[in-house]
Amino acid sequence: MKLMASLSLATYPDASSSKIGANAVALVQQIDAALHAVAINVDIPDVSNALSNYLLDLPYKIQEVEATSRKSGKDLLKAVTQEAARGGVTLTTQELTAPPALMGDVAANHSRYFDVCLVGWAPANQTARMLAEAILFGSGRPTLLLPDSQDVEVLGHVVIAWDGSRVAARAVADARVFLELASMVTVVTVTDEKPLPGQGIGERLALGLRMRGLVAEAVSIQAGDSSIGTALQEHALKIGGNLLVMGGYGHSRIRDFVLGGATEGILADLRLPVLLSH
């Protein structure tokens, strides 16, 4: 059965970078997946009255914003289409509309029909962050963040952030397709961040991966004065990791996202592709 990846594209108020097309295609090529790209366009309810029409010309401003959003969506889909054609990737595209407050919900609901969800990431793009958080907590699917600042490389070295928790175990299961393609897997346990459920938990996971035919090792690190998200990414990059796999901690209180420390650290300063699973 062929895998299907969903790429959610932000259009308003901050549009995704066109670089996400190349990165998404490069990634799905590696896992031999089909790609479905969806632009989430804004649909602003008309709440104008006679006074606002006279003073602000509100209907025109709404039309202008919606037109800008639709143009951004079409431009992004065109860029993805061109990249997919060059890369020989099977692609389908779609445009969805939603009020500004519900764009994340629409993206999350749509993402439930796919195997893995892709989101482009730029530090200043709050719309992309909103979509990523909504998809992570609301889709029930793994969410793969692709930083716009770099090209997606061959994901040959997968690094697993492991603390023995349910969400970490879920992330490992969701990353199976990437683990099977990896030439090396490193299990990293941070020992000074919180109590862990026993000794040698990283080596226990690494042993299980080796029994499944993977090349895997376990290491323990200390975060020290760094945030756990920073420590994990710095170590992953230090050992040549191309993909970081970790559980996404936190929950949503009616779209008010409350994030765990590790997840917040990753989202605040993304340095390499990260697969988050809730």
Protein backbone atom coordinates (compact mmCIF):
# COMPACT_ATOMS: atom_id res chain seq x y z
CA MET A 1 0.00 0.00 0.00
CA LYS A 2 1.48 3.33 -1.05
CA LEU A 3 1.98 5.93 1.65
CA MET A 4 0.30 9.31 1.30
CA ALA A 5 1.70 12.52 2.76
CA SER A 6 -0.31 15.68 3.31
CA LEU A 7 1.31 19.09 2.87
CA SER A 8 -0.62 21.94 4.50
CA LEU A 9 0.16 25.37 3.06
CA ALA A 10 -0.48 28.57 4.99
CA THR A 11 -1.77 31.55 3.01
CA TYR A 12 -2.91 34.14 5.58
CA PRO A 13 -1.77 36.26 7.26
CA ASP A 14 1.70 34.74 6.72
CA ALA A 15 2.09 32.56 3.64
CA SER A 16 4.35 29.51 3.59
CA SER A 17 7.66 29.85 1.80
CA SER A 18 7.80 28.47 -1.74
CA LYS A 19 10.79 26.40 -0.55
CA ILE A 20 8.42 23.98 1.14
CA GLY A 21 7.55 22.53 -2.26
CA ALA A 22 11.10 21.38 -2.96
CA ASN A 23 11.55 20.09 0.59
CA ALA A 24 8.26 18.18 0.59
CA VAL A 25 9.02 16.55 -2.75
CA ALA A 26 12.55 15.61 -1.62
CA LEU A 27 11.12 13.97 1.47
CA VAL A 28 8.33 11.96 -0.15
CA GLN A 29 10.75 10.72 -2.79
CA GLN A 30 12.75 9.04 -0.04
CA ILE A 31 9.77 7.19 1.42
CA ASP A 32 8.16 6.50 -1.98
CA ALA A 33 4.96 8.31 -1.01
CA ALA A 34 2.33 10.22 -2.94
CA LEU A 35 1.88 13.87 -2.00
CA HIS A 36 -1.35 15.78 -1.46
CA ALA A 37 -0.86 19.55 -1.16
CA VAL A 38 -3.66 21.67 0.28
CA ALA A 39 -3.77 25.45 0.48
CA ILE A 40 -5.77 26.76 3.45
CA ASN A 41 -7.33 30.01 2.19
CA VAL A 42 -9.01 32.53 4.46
CA ASP A 43 -12.76 33.15 4.36
CA ILE A 44 -13.66 36.22 6.43
CA PRO A 45 -17.32 36.50 7.46
CA ASP A 46 -18.94 39.78 6.40
CA VAL A 47 -19.96 41.51 9.61
CA SER A 48 -20.12 44.99 8.12
CA ASN A 49 -22.92 47.50 8.64
CA ALA A 50 -23.79 50.79 7.04
CA LEU A 51 -21.43 52.80 9.26
CA SER A 52 -18.45 50.49 8.80
CA ASN A 53 -19.08 50.43 5.05
CA TYR A 54 -19.02 54.23 4.99
CA LEU A 55 -16.00 54.76 7.26
CA LEU A 56 -13.81 51.77 6.46
CA ASP A 57 -15.11 50.31 3.20
CA LEU A 58 -15.00 46.97 5.06
CA PRO A 59 -16.45 44.74 2.31
CA TYR A 60 -13.71 45.84 -0.09
CA LYS A 61 -10.99 45.21 2.50
CA ILE A 62 -12.37 41.71 3.14
CA GLN A 63 -12.40 40.97 -0.58
CA GLU A 64 -8.84 42.25 -0.88
CA VAL A 65 -7.58 40.02 1.94
CA GLU A 66 -9.36 36.95 0.57
CA ALA A 67 -8.01 37.61 -2.92
CA THR A 68 -4.46 37.91 -1.55
CA SER A 69 -4.90 34.63 0.34
CA ARG A 70 -6.20 32.81 -2.74
CA LYS A 71 -3.35 34.14 -4.88
CA SER A 72 -0.79 32.97 -2.32
CA GLY A 73 -2.43 29.54 -2.26
CA LYS A 74 -2.42 29.21 -6.05
CA ASP A 75 1.21 30.35 -6.26
CA LEU A 76 2.26 27.82 -3.62
CA LEU A 77 0.36 24.98 -5.29
CA LYS A 78 1.91 25.90 -8.63
CA ALA A 79 5.40 25.77 -7.10
CA VAL A 80 4.70 22.36 -5.53
CA THR A 81 3.28 21.08 -8.84
CA GLN A 82 6.44 22.10 -10.67
CA GLU A 83 8.68 20.44 -8.09
CA ALA A 84 6.62 17.24 -8.14
CA ALA A 85 6.80 17.09 -11.94
CA ARG A 86 10.58 17.47 -11.84
CA GLY A 87 10.90 14.84 -9.13
CA GLY A 88 8.47 12.32 -10.62
CA VAL A 89 6.25 12.44 -7.53
CA THR A 90 2.54 11.65 -7.71
CA LEU A 91 0.73 14.81 -6.64
CA THR A 92 -2.83 15.91 -6.01
CA THR A 93 -3.80 19.42 -4.93
CA GLN A 94 -6.73 21.05 -3.22
CA GLU A 95 -7.88 24.42 -1.91
CA LEU A 96 -9.86 24.73 1.31
CA THR A 97 -11.35 27.80 2.96
CA ALA A 98 -11.85 28.64 6.62
CA PRO A 99 -12.42 31.64 8.88
CA PRO A 100 -9.13 32.87 10.41
CA ALA A 101 -9.88 31.34 13.82
CA LEU A 102 -10.65 27.91 12.34
CA MET A 103 -7.84 27.51 9.79
CA GLY A 104 -5.93 25.19 12.12
CA ASP A 105 -8.99 23.05 12.79
CA VAL A 106 -9.67 22.68 9.08
CA ALA A 107 -6.06 21.67 8.44
CA ALA A 108 -6.13 19.13 11.30
CA ASN A 109 -9.41 17.55 10.18
CA HIS A 110 -8.17 17.29 6.60
CA SER A 111 -4.86 15.73 7.71
CA ARG A 112 -6.55 12.74 9.34
CA TYR A 113 -6.90 11.04 5.96
CA PHE A 114 -3.14 10.74 5.34
CA ASP A 115 -0.18 8.82 6.77
CA VAL A 116 2.14 11.69 7.60
CA CYS A 117 1.61 15.46 7.69
CA LEU A 118 4.19 17.95 6.41
CA VAL A 119 4.45 21.59 7.45
CA GLY A 120 7.03 24.13 6.33
CA TRP A 121 8.69 26.05 9.14
CA ALA A 122 10.11 29.56 9.38
CA PRO A 123 10.80 31.15 12.79
CA ALA A 124 8.72 34.28 12.16
CA ASN A 125 5.78 32.57 10.45
CA GLN A 126 3.11 32.39 13.14
CA THR A 127 0.54 31.00 10.72
CA ALA A 128 2.74 27.97 9.97
CA ARG A 129 3.22 27.44 13.70
CA MET A 130 -0.53 27.60 14.28
CA LEU A 131 -1.14 25.01 11.55
CA ALA A 132 1.61 22.74 12.90
CA GLU A 133 0.26 22.83 16.46
CA ALA A 134 -3.31 22.22 15.30
CA ILE A 135 -2.24 19.28 13.13
CA LEU A 136 0.01 17.82 15.84
CA PHE A 137 -2.70 17.84 18.51
CA GLY A 138 -5.78 17.41 16.34
CA SER A 139 -4.98 15.12 13.42
CA GLY A 140 -3.93 11.90 15.15
CA ARG A 141 -1.09 11.69 12.61
CA PRO A 142 2.66 12.31 12.88
CA THR A 143 3.65 15.86 11.98
CA LEU A 144 6.94 16.45 10.20
CA LEU A 145 8.33 19.98 10.42
CA LEU A 146 10.61 21.00 7.54
CA PRO A 147 12.74 24.10 8.21
CA ASP A 148 12.70 26.60 5.34
CA SER A 149 16.29 27.57 6.10
CA GLN A 150 17.80 24.40 4.62
CA ASP A 151 17.32 21.73 1.99
CA VAL A 152 16.04 18.31 2.99
CA GLU A 153 18.92 15.85 2.82
CA VAL A 154 18.93 12.09 2.63
CA LEU A 155 17.52 11.05 6.01
CA GLY A 156 20.19 8.44 6.59
CA HIS A 157 20.77 9.07 10.29
CA VAL A 158 17.64 9.14 12.43
CA VAL A 159 17.90 10.36 16.02
CA ILE A 160 15.21 9.30 18.51
CA ALA A 161 14.56 11.37 21.64
CA TRP A 162 13.64 8.68 24.15
CA ASP A 163 12.29 8.98 27.69
CA GLY A 164 10.26 5.77 27.82
CA SER A 165 6.93 7.62 27.68
CA ARG A 166 3.77 6.79 25.76
CA VAL A 167 4.19 9.68 23.34
CA ALA A 168 7.82 8.76 22.68
CA ALA A 169 6.78 5.18 21.93
CA ARG A 170 4.06 6.47 19.62
CA ALA A 171 6.65 8.60 17.80
CA VAL A 172 8.94 5.61 17.26
CA ALA A 173 6.05 3.61 15.80
CA ASP A 174 5.01 6.50 13.56
CA ALA A 175 8.59 6.88 12.30
CA ARG A 176 8.85 3.28 11.12
CA VAL A 177 9.15 4.10 7.42
CA PHE A 178 12.05 6.46 8.15
CA LEU A 179 13.73 3.99 10.50
CA GLU A 180 13.58 1.21 7.91
CA LEU A 181 15.41 3.43 5.40
CA ALA A 182 18.02 4.73 7.84
CA SER A 183 21.61 3.57 7.73
CA MET A 184 22.01 4.56 11.38
CA VAL A 185 19.68 5.14 14.34
CA THR A 186 20.79 6.83 17.54
CA VAL A 187 18.59 6.74 20.65
CA VAL A 188 19.23 9.80 22.82
CA THR A 189 18.11 10.06 26.45
CA VAL A 190 18.40 13.31 28.40
CA THR A 191 19.20 12.34 31.97
CA ASP A 192 18.99 15.65 33.86
CA GLU A 193 15.61 16.98 32.70
CA LYS A 194 13.11 14.80 34.60
CA PRO A 195 12.86 11.44 36.39
CA LEU A 196 13.11 8.51 33.99
CA PRO A 197 11.29 5.17 34.29
CA GLY A 198 14.38 3.11 35.02
CA GLN A 199 18.02 2.65 34.05
CA GLY A 200 19.22 1.79 30.57
CA ILE A 201 15.96 2.66 28.83
CA GLY A 202 17.78 3.98 25.77
CA GLU A 203 19.86 0.84 25.33
CA ARG A 204 16.72 -1.26 25.77
CA LEU A 205 15.10 0.52 22.81
CA ALA A 206 18.28 0.34 20.75
CA LEU A 207 18.49 -3.40 21.40
CA GLY A 208 14.92 -3.85 20.19
CA LEU A 209 15.74 -1.91 17.03
CA ARG A 210 18.83 -4.03 16.41
CA MET A 211 16.74 -7.18 16.82
CA ARG A 212 14.54 -5.79 14.02
CA GLY A 213 17.55 -5.53 11.73
CA LEU A 214 18.47 -1.87 12.22
CA VAL A 215 21.87 -0.42 13.06
CA ALA A 216 21.19 1.33 16.36
CA GLU A 217 23.04 2.65 19.39
CA ALA A 218 22.05 4.48 22.57
CA VAL A 219 23.63 7.53 24.19
CA SER A 220 22.80 9.61 27.25
CA ILE A 221 23.29 13.37 27.37
CA GLN A 222 22.68 16.19 29.81
CA ALA A 223 20.91 19.38 28.84
CA GLY A 224 22.72 21.49 31.42
CA ASP A 225 21.78 25.14 31.03
CA SER A 226 20.23 24.58 27.60
CA SER A 227 16.57 23.86 26.98
CA ILE A 228 15.88 20.21 26.27
CA GLY A 229 14.79 21.07 22.72
CA THR A 230 18.07 22.88 22.08
CA ALA A 231 20.13 20.10 23.67
CA LEU A 232 18.47 17.41 21.57
CA GLN A 233 18.90 19.31 18.32
CA GLU A 234 22.49 20.30 19.04
CA HIS A 235 23.43 16.70 19.79
CA ALA A 236 21.57 15.43 16.72
CA LEU A 237 23.47 17.85 14.50
CA LYS A 238 26.76 17.10 16.25
CA ILE A 239 26.52 13.38 15.39
CA GLY A 240 25.30 14.01 11.84
CA GLY A 241 21.60 13.37 12.39
CA ASN A 242 19.26 14.22 9.53
CA LEU A 243 15.92 13.64 11.28
CA LEU A 244 14.90 13.98 14.92
CA VAL A 245 11.98 11.83 16.12
CA MET A 246 10.24 12.74 19.36
CA GLY A 247 6.93 12.78 21.15
CA GLY A 248 4.90 15.97 20.98
CA TYR A 249 4.03 16.94 24.54
CA GLY A 250 1.11 19.19 25.32
CA HIS A 251 -2.57 19.54 24.61
CA SER A 252 -5.11 21.93 23.16
CA ARG A 253 -7.68 23.83 25.20
CA ILE A 254 -10.04 24.87 22.40
CA ARG A 255 -7.20 26.06 20.17
CA ASP A 256 -5.18 27.50 23.08
CA PHE A 257 -2.15 25.24 22.84
CA VAL A 258 -0.33 24.34 26.04
CA LEU A 259 3.03 22.87 25.09
CA GLY A 260 5.49 20.74 27.00
CA GLY A 261 9.01 22.10 27.45
CA ALA A 262 10.68 19.89 24.84
CA THR A 263 8.01 20.60 22.22
CA GLU A 264 8.13 24.35 22.90
CA GLY A 265 11.91 24.31 22.57
CA ILE A 266 11.72 22.58 19.19
CA LEU A 267 9.07 24.95 17.86
CA ALA A 268 10.94 28.00 19.09
CA ASP A 269 14.19 27.12 17.31
CA LEU A 270 13.89 24.42 14.64
CA ARG A 271 17.31 23.41 13.29
CA LEU A 272 16.63 20.19 11.36
CA PRO A 273 13.64 18.16 10.19
CA VAL A 274 11.69 16.95 13.22
CA LEU A 275 8.96 14.34 13.32
CA LEU A 276 6.60 15.05 16.23
CA SER A 277 3.93 12.58 17.26
CA HIS A 278 1.20 13.08 19.83
